[in-house]
């Protein structure tokens, strides 16, 4: 069965194809991970796992330190850019939901124990369903879709 979403390697061509955003000149993570660029792409929120902290916040409120990132997810309800450290290299993926993508949505409560700045207390997750060769359903991909903040944050 054909997938109802697109998941591709993070590179300049796929950013243009899937997100409709052109990175000027040579593609680098430094250019992509600027707050203004991520917001221009339409991404709104982030969860960043750093070596020294975990951050869950709106993109406009975070400082992104590429050297400190273990994994980062920049997302809105339909799109996600995921950055992750594979030993010493940083790789990434782009996820785009199609309108007919089957998924299950769950809400989870978040702990603020390891968070060093403004943090969300609740997270909506989308678990995308696919089917194997015997037509058995399974969760193919899980992505965050919305963070919830306390009043005034």
Foldseek 3Di string as FASTA:
>chain_A
DDAQKDKFWDAQVVCCVPQVDHDPDHDDVVSCLDLVNLVVSPWFWKWFDFPQFIATGTSVPDDDDPVGTQKMWTHAQFKIWIWHQDPPDIIIMIIGGHPPFDWDKDKDADDCVRHDDFHFGMWIKIFTWDADPVRDIDGDDIDTHDTHGDPPD
